[in-house]
Amino acid sequence: MTSFVALIPARLASTRLPEKPLADIGGRPMVVRVAERARASGAQRVVVATDSPRIEEAVRAHGVEVLLTRPDHPSGTDRLAEAAQRLGLADETIVVNVQGDEPLIPPSLVSDVAALLARETDCAIATAAHPIDALADYLNPNVVKVVTDANGRAAYFSRAPIPFDRDRLAGFPARMPDSLSRAMVAAPPLRHIGLYAYRVAFLHAYPRLARSPLEVLESLEQLRALWHGYRIAVLVTPHAPPPGVDTAEDLERVRAGLTDAGL
């Protein structure tokens, strides 16, 4: 098995669902449920990194390791960089960033992304994606797409519909095919899954990297790494993982799913 550490960044502030990490799911806070999934992935260590003393207290009460970080980090990756430094993790250690609002994340996906990075020794990051079948998702700017090269490394991430089949998508956007999968069999578009594995050496370097123009345009943080020449390996899975929690409706769906599963 691949040796890796799971870090879970969690902030209390949320515009659509206040105090989201502490939302109760079957008697435990959401962030604790996420930590349980991370433990099930085979991670050698699971640590919640938070800027909230309330989250720290709740997580510690459930026996999960937690680290109180600075409140002024501009991104979750910066928070992970602080956590990795304070935990004394070696440069070659693999860290998987498991988002604190993904209580149904498949443990196998977490371990598979870590294993991919362990195999791809010239990559600094690994992430995941799955084929897009729905035309609406392909056109939706809130659905991030990724295209890969011949070696399965990310060539670009975008909110735009990429790759674009010039011939089969003629008439875009006024006229579109009724089936995306039939139109783009040779190179089906891939939806990016926001799960990352990093080498700690990259996390140490990240806070010093200047923001890239493409990152600013697309509002996609991972474009900073590509801009500065870091390679990103992409694991393509056949299906989408269960969605995370962004709204009260999402929270009720997760609660109902756990109830149906007897958890």
Protein backbone atom coordinates (compact mmCIF):
# COMPACT_ATOMS: atom_id res chain seq x y z
CA MET A 1 0.00 0.00 0.00
CA THR A 2 1.07 3.57 -0.67
CA SER A 3 2.10 5.50 2.41
CA PHE A 4 0.38 8.88 2.59
CA VAL A 5 -1.06 11.47 4.96
CA ALA A 6 -4.60 12.82 4.58
CA LEU A 7 -5.02 16.50 5.42
CA ILE A 8 -8.50 17.98 5.66
CA PRO A 9 -8.70 21.79 5.44
CA ALA A 10 -11.82 23.14 7.16
CA ARG A 11 -13.06 26.69 7.64
CA LEU A 12 -16.13 27.79 9.55
CA ALA A 13 -17.11 30.53 7.11
CA SER A 14 -19.54 29.45 4.38
CA THR A 15 -21.86 31.73 2.46
CA ARG A 16 -24.39 29.13 1.31
CA LEU A 17 -24.40 26.85 4.37
CA PRO A 18 -23.30 28.54 7.60
CA GLU A 19 -20.94 26.55 9.84
CA LYS A 20 -20.89 23.74 7.30
CA PRO A 21 -18.03 21.65 8.79
CA LEU A 22 -19.95 21.34 12.08
CA ALA A 23 -23.25 20.31 10.47
CA ASP A 24 -24.57 17.19 12.19
CA ILE A 25 -24.62 14.02 10.09
CA GLY A 26 -25.81 11.01 12.02
CA GLY A 27 -24.58 12.33 15.36
CA ARG A 28 -21.14 13.48 14.19
CA PRO A 29 -19.94 16.73 12.59
CA MET A 30 -19.49 16.64 8.85
CA VAL A 31 -15.72 17.18 9.10
CA VAL A 32 -15.47 14.14 11.40
CA ARG A 33 -17.39 12.07 8.85
CA VAL A 34 -14.84 13.16 6.25
CA ALA A 35 -12.00 12.13 8.57
CA GLU A 36 -13.60 8.70 8.94
CA ARG A 37 -13.59 8.29 5.15
CA ALA A 38 -9.96 9.35 5.05
CA ARG A 39 -9.08 6.78 7.71
CA ALA A 40 -10.86 4.10 5.69
CA SER A 41 -8.66 4.97 2.70
CA GLY A 42 -5.61 3.56 4.46
CA ALA A 43 -3.96 6.90 5.22
CA GLN A 44 -1.21 6.49 7.78
CA ARG A 45 -2.24 9.77 9.41
CA VAL A 46 -5.38 11.91 9.19
CA VAL A 47 -5.22 15.54 10.32
CA VAL A 48 -7.83 18.30 10.15
CA ALA A 49 -6.29 21.74 9.50
CA THR A 50 -8.60 24.54 10.60
CA ASP A 51 -8.58 28.21 11.55
CA SER A 52 -11.55 27.79 13.90
CA PRO A 53 -11.21 26.94 17.62
CA ARG A 54 -14.78 25.59 17.48
CA ILE A 55 -13.89 23.13 14.75
CA GLU A 56 -10.71 22.23 16.62
CA GLU A 57 -12.71 21.45 19.76
CA ALA A 58 -15.35 19.41 17.92
CA VAL A 59 -12.79 17.37 15.99
CA ARG A 60 -10.64 16.69 19.03
CA ALA A 61 -13.71 15.52 20.97
CA HIS A 62 -14.14 12.74 18.40
CA GLY A 63 -10.55 11.56 18.66
CA VAL A 64 -9.35 13.01 15.36
CA GLU A 65 -5.99 14.77 15.15
CA VAL A 66 -6.39 18.48 14.48
CA LEU A 67 -4.12 21.46 13.90
CA LEU A 68 -5.16 25.10 14.46
CA THR A 69 -3.70 27.11 11.59
CA ARG A 70 -3.45 30.79 10.76
CA PRO A 71 -6.73 32.49 9.76
CA ASP A 72 -5.29 34.55 6.88
CA HIS A 73 -4.47 31.89 4.29
CA PRO A 74 -5.68 32.86 0.80
CA SER A 75 -6.38 29.25 -0.17
CA GLY A 76 -6.75 25.75 1.20
CA THR A 77 -3.43 24.80 -0.38
CA ASP A 78 -1.67 27.51 1.61
CA ARG A 79 -3.30 26.08 4.75
CA LEU A 80 -1.98 22.63 3.83
CA ALA A 81 1.50 24.07 3.35
CA GLU A 82 1.46 25.45 6.90
CA ALA A 83 0.15 22.16 8.25
CA ALA A 84 2.80 20.11 6.45
CA GLN A 85 5.53 22.37 7.80
CA ARG A 86 4.26 22.30 11.38
CA LEU A 87 3.77 18.53 11.28
CA GLY A 88 7.39 18.13 10.18
CA LEU A 89 6.53 16.07 7.11
CA ALA A 90 9.47 15.14 4.90
CA ASP A 91 9.68 16.55 1.37
CA GLU A 92 8.96 13.17 -0.24
CA THR A 93 5.83 12.53 1.85
CA ILE A 94 2.61 12.28 -0.14
CA VAL A 95 -0.26 14.36 1.23
CA VAL A 96 -3.84 13.98 0.01
CA ASN A 97 -6.08 17.02 0.32
CA VAL A 98 -9.54 15.70 1.25
CA GLN A 99 -12.09 18.50 1.24
CA GLY A 100 -13.99 18.97 4.51
CA ASP A 101 -17.37 19.01 2.74
CA GLU A 102 -17.03 15.57 1.09
CA PRO A 103 -18.54 13.19 3.68
CA LEU A 104 -19.27 10.56 1.02
CA ILE A 105 -15.89 10.61 -0.74
CA PRO A 106 -15.00 7.02 -1.69
CA PRO A 107 -11.98 5.90 0.36
CA SER A 108 -10.70 3.96 -2.66
CA LEU A 109 -10.54 7.18 -4.70
CA VAL A 110 -8.39 8.82 -2.02
CA SER A 111 -5.96 5.91 -1.94
CA ASP A 112 -5.91 5.55 -5.75
CA VAL A 113 -4.91 9.19 -6.26
CA ALA A 114 -2.13 8.79 -3.67
CA ALA A 115 -0.93 5.62 -5.40
CA LEU A 116 -0.89 7.37 -8.78
CA LEU A 117 1.39 10.10 -7.46
CA ALA A 118 3.66 7.49 -5.89
CA ARG A 119 4.04 5.81 -9.31
CA GLU A 120 4.47 9.04 -11.29
CA THR A 121 7.76 10.09 -9.73
CA ASP A 122 8.24 13.12 -12.02
CA CYS A 123 4.89 14.63 -11.03
CA ALA A 124 4.34 16.98 -8.09
CA ILE A 125 0.57 16.55 -7.98
CA ALA A 126 -2.05 13.93 -8.81
CA THR A 127 -5.78 14.47 -9.19
CA ALA A 128 -8.82 12.73 -10.68
CA ALA A 129 -11.42 13.14 -13.40
CA HIS A 130 -14.31 11.25 -14.98
CA PRO A 131 -15.94 11.33 -18.45
CA ILE A 132 -18.74 13.83 -19.03
CA ASP A 133 -21.86 12.38 -20.65
CA ALA A 134 -24.35 15.22 -20.24
CA LEU A 135 -24.26 18.10 -22.68
CA ALA A 136 -25.42 20.49 -19.94
CA ASP A 137 -22.37 19.61 -17.83
CA TYR A 138 -20.05 20.08 -20.80
CA LEU A 139 -21.39 23.60 -21.34
CA ASN A 140 -21.64 24.53 -17.64
CA PRO A 141 -18.83 26.91 -16.54
CA ASN A 142 -19.21 25.63 -12.97
CA VAL A 143 -18.10 22.19 -14.19
CA VAL A 144 -14.31 22.27 -14.52
CA LYS A 145 -12.87 20.27 -17.41
CA VAL A 146 -9.38 18.88 -17.87
CA VAL A 147 -7.56 17.65 -20.96
CA THR A 148 -4.58 15.32 -20.68
CA ASP A 149 -1.55 14.49 -22.77
CA ALA A 150 -0.46 11.09 -24.05
CA ASN A 151 1.02 10.21 -20.66
CA GLY A 152 -2.12 11.06 -18.67
CA ARG A 153 -0.77 14.37 -17.35
CA ALA A 154 -2.94 17.47 -17.24
CA ALA A 155 -2.42 19.74 -20.24
CA TYR A 156 -5.02 22.32 -19.19
CA PHE A 157 -7.98 22.90 -16.91
CA SER A 158 -10.84 25.16 -17.98
CA ARG A 159 -14.41 26.18 -17.31
CA ALA A 160 -14.93 26.28 -21.07
CA PRO A 161 -16.16 23.26 -23.08
CA ILE A 162 -12.89 21.49 -23.86
CA PRO A 163 -11.81 19.60 -25.87
CA PHE A 164 -13.82 21.11 -28.70
CA ASP A 165 -14.67 18.86 -31.65
CA ARG A 166 -14.70 21.38 -34.48
CA ASP A 167 -16.43 19.15 -37.01
CA ARG A 168 -19.00 17.32 -34.89
CA LEU A 169 -19.87 20.40 -32.85
CA ALA A 170 -20.41 22.59 -35.91
CA GLY A 171 -23.06 25.21 -35.23
CA PHE A 172 -22.03 25.73 -31.60
CA PRO A 173 -23.68 27.17 -29.57
CA ALA A 174 -26.90 27.59 -31.55
CA ARG A 175 -27.03 23.95 -32.65
CA MET A 176 -25.68 21.11 -30.54
CA PRO A 177 -25.82 17.30 -30.87
CA ASP A 178 -28.43 15.46 -28.83
CA SER A 179 -25.76 13.13 -27.46
CA LEU A 180 -22.39 14.35 -26.29
CA SER A 181 -20.99 10.83 -26.00
CA ARG A 182 -21.76 10.04 -29.65
CA ALA A 183 -20.26 13.31 -30.80
CA MET A 184 -16.94 12.95 -29.01
CA VAL A 185 -16.08 9.27 -28.80
CA ALA A 186 -12.42 9.76 -29.74
CA ALA A 187 -11.70 12.20 -26.93
CA PRO A 188 -14.55 12.42 -24.42
CA PRO A 189 -14.44 15.51 -22.22
CA LEU A 190 -13.35 14.94 -18.63
CA ARG A 191 -14.82 16.56 -15.54
CA HIS A 192 -12.20 17.41 -12.95
CA ILE A 193 -12.72 15.97 -9.47
CA GLY A 194 -11.37 18.32 -6.80
CA LEU A 195 -9.22 15.77 -5.01
CA TYR A 196 -5.45 16.31 -4.93
CA ALA A 197 -2.37 14.43 -3.81
CA TYR A 198 0.77 16.51 -3.36
CA ARG A 199 4.41 15.90 -2.62
CA VAL A 200 5.28 17.93 0.47
CA ALA A 201 8.17 19.57 -1.41
CA PHE A 202 5.59 21.16 -3.72
CA LEU A 203 3.51 22.37 -0.76
CA HIS A 204 6.60 24.06 0.65
CA ALA A 205 7.17 25.82 -2.69
CA TYR A 206 3.54 26.74 -3.39
CA PRO A 207 3.16 29.87 -1.19
CA ARG A 208 6.11 31.44 -3.00
CA LEU A 209 4.69 30.87 -6.50
CA ALA A 210 3.26 33.95 -8.20
CA ARG A 211 -0.33 33.71 -9.35
CA SER A 212 -0.57 33.01 -13.08
CA PRO A 213 -2.64 35.05 -15.57
CA LEU A 214 -4.54 31.90 -16.53
CA GLU A 215 -5.35 31.15 -12.89
CA VAL A 216 -6.77 34.65 -12.54
CA LEU A 217 -8.81 34.41 -15.75
CA GLU A 218 -10.30 30.99 -15.05
CA SER A 219 -10.36 31.30 -11.24
CA LEU A 220 -8.72 27.87 -11.05
CA GLU A 221 -5.90 27.52 -8.55
CA GLN A 222 -4.41 24.40 -10.17
CA LEU A 223 -3.39 26.45 -13.22
CA ARG A 224 -0.72 28.09 -11.06
CA ALA A 225 1.12 24.77 -10.81
CA LEU A 226 0.95 24.17 -14.58
CA TRP A 227 2.06 27.73 -15.30
CA HIS A 228 5.19 27.22 -13.23
CA GLY A 229 6.04 23.91 -14.89
CA TYR A 230 4.84 21.38 -12.32
CA ARG A 231 3.36 18.17 -13.73
CA ILE A 232 -0.07 16.94 -12.64
CA ALA A 233 -0.99 13.26 -13.11
CA VAL A 234 -4.69 12.59 -13.75
CA LEU A 235 -6.52 9.45 -12.64
CA VAL A 236 -9.53 8.86 -14.92
CA THR A 237 -12.32 7.01 -13.14
CA PRO A 238 -15.38 5.62 -14.93
CA HIS A 239 -17.94 7.32 -12.71
CA ALA A 240 -18.39 10.51 -10.73
CA PRO A 241 -18.02 10.25 -6.94
CA PRO A 242 -20.97 11.33 -4.78
CA PRO A 243 -21.23 15.13 -4.75
CA GLY A 244 -20.10 17.20 -1.80
CA VAL A 245 -22.19 19.44 0.44
CA ASP A 246 -22.69 23.06 -0.63
CA THR A 247 -26.32 23.72 0.30
CA ALA A 248 -28.91 22.72 2.88
CA GLU A 249 -30.47 20.45 0.25
CA ASP A 250 -27.14 18.68 -0.24
CA LEU A 251 -26.88 18.17 3.51
CA GLU A 252 -30.31 16.56 3.70
CA ARG A 253 -29.42 14.27 0.81
CA VAL A 254 -26.29 13.08 2.62
CA ARG A 255 -28.20 12.57 5.87
CA ALA A 256 -30.84 10.53 4.07
CA GLY A 257 -28.17 8.45 2.32
CA LEU A 258 -26.47 7.57 5.58
CA THR A 259 -29.79 6.67 7.15
CA ASP A 260 -30.64 4.39 4.24
CA ALA A 261 -27.22 2.73 4.60
CA GLY A 262 -27.73 2.20 8.32
CA LEU A 263 -24.73 4.37 9.27
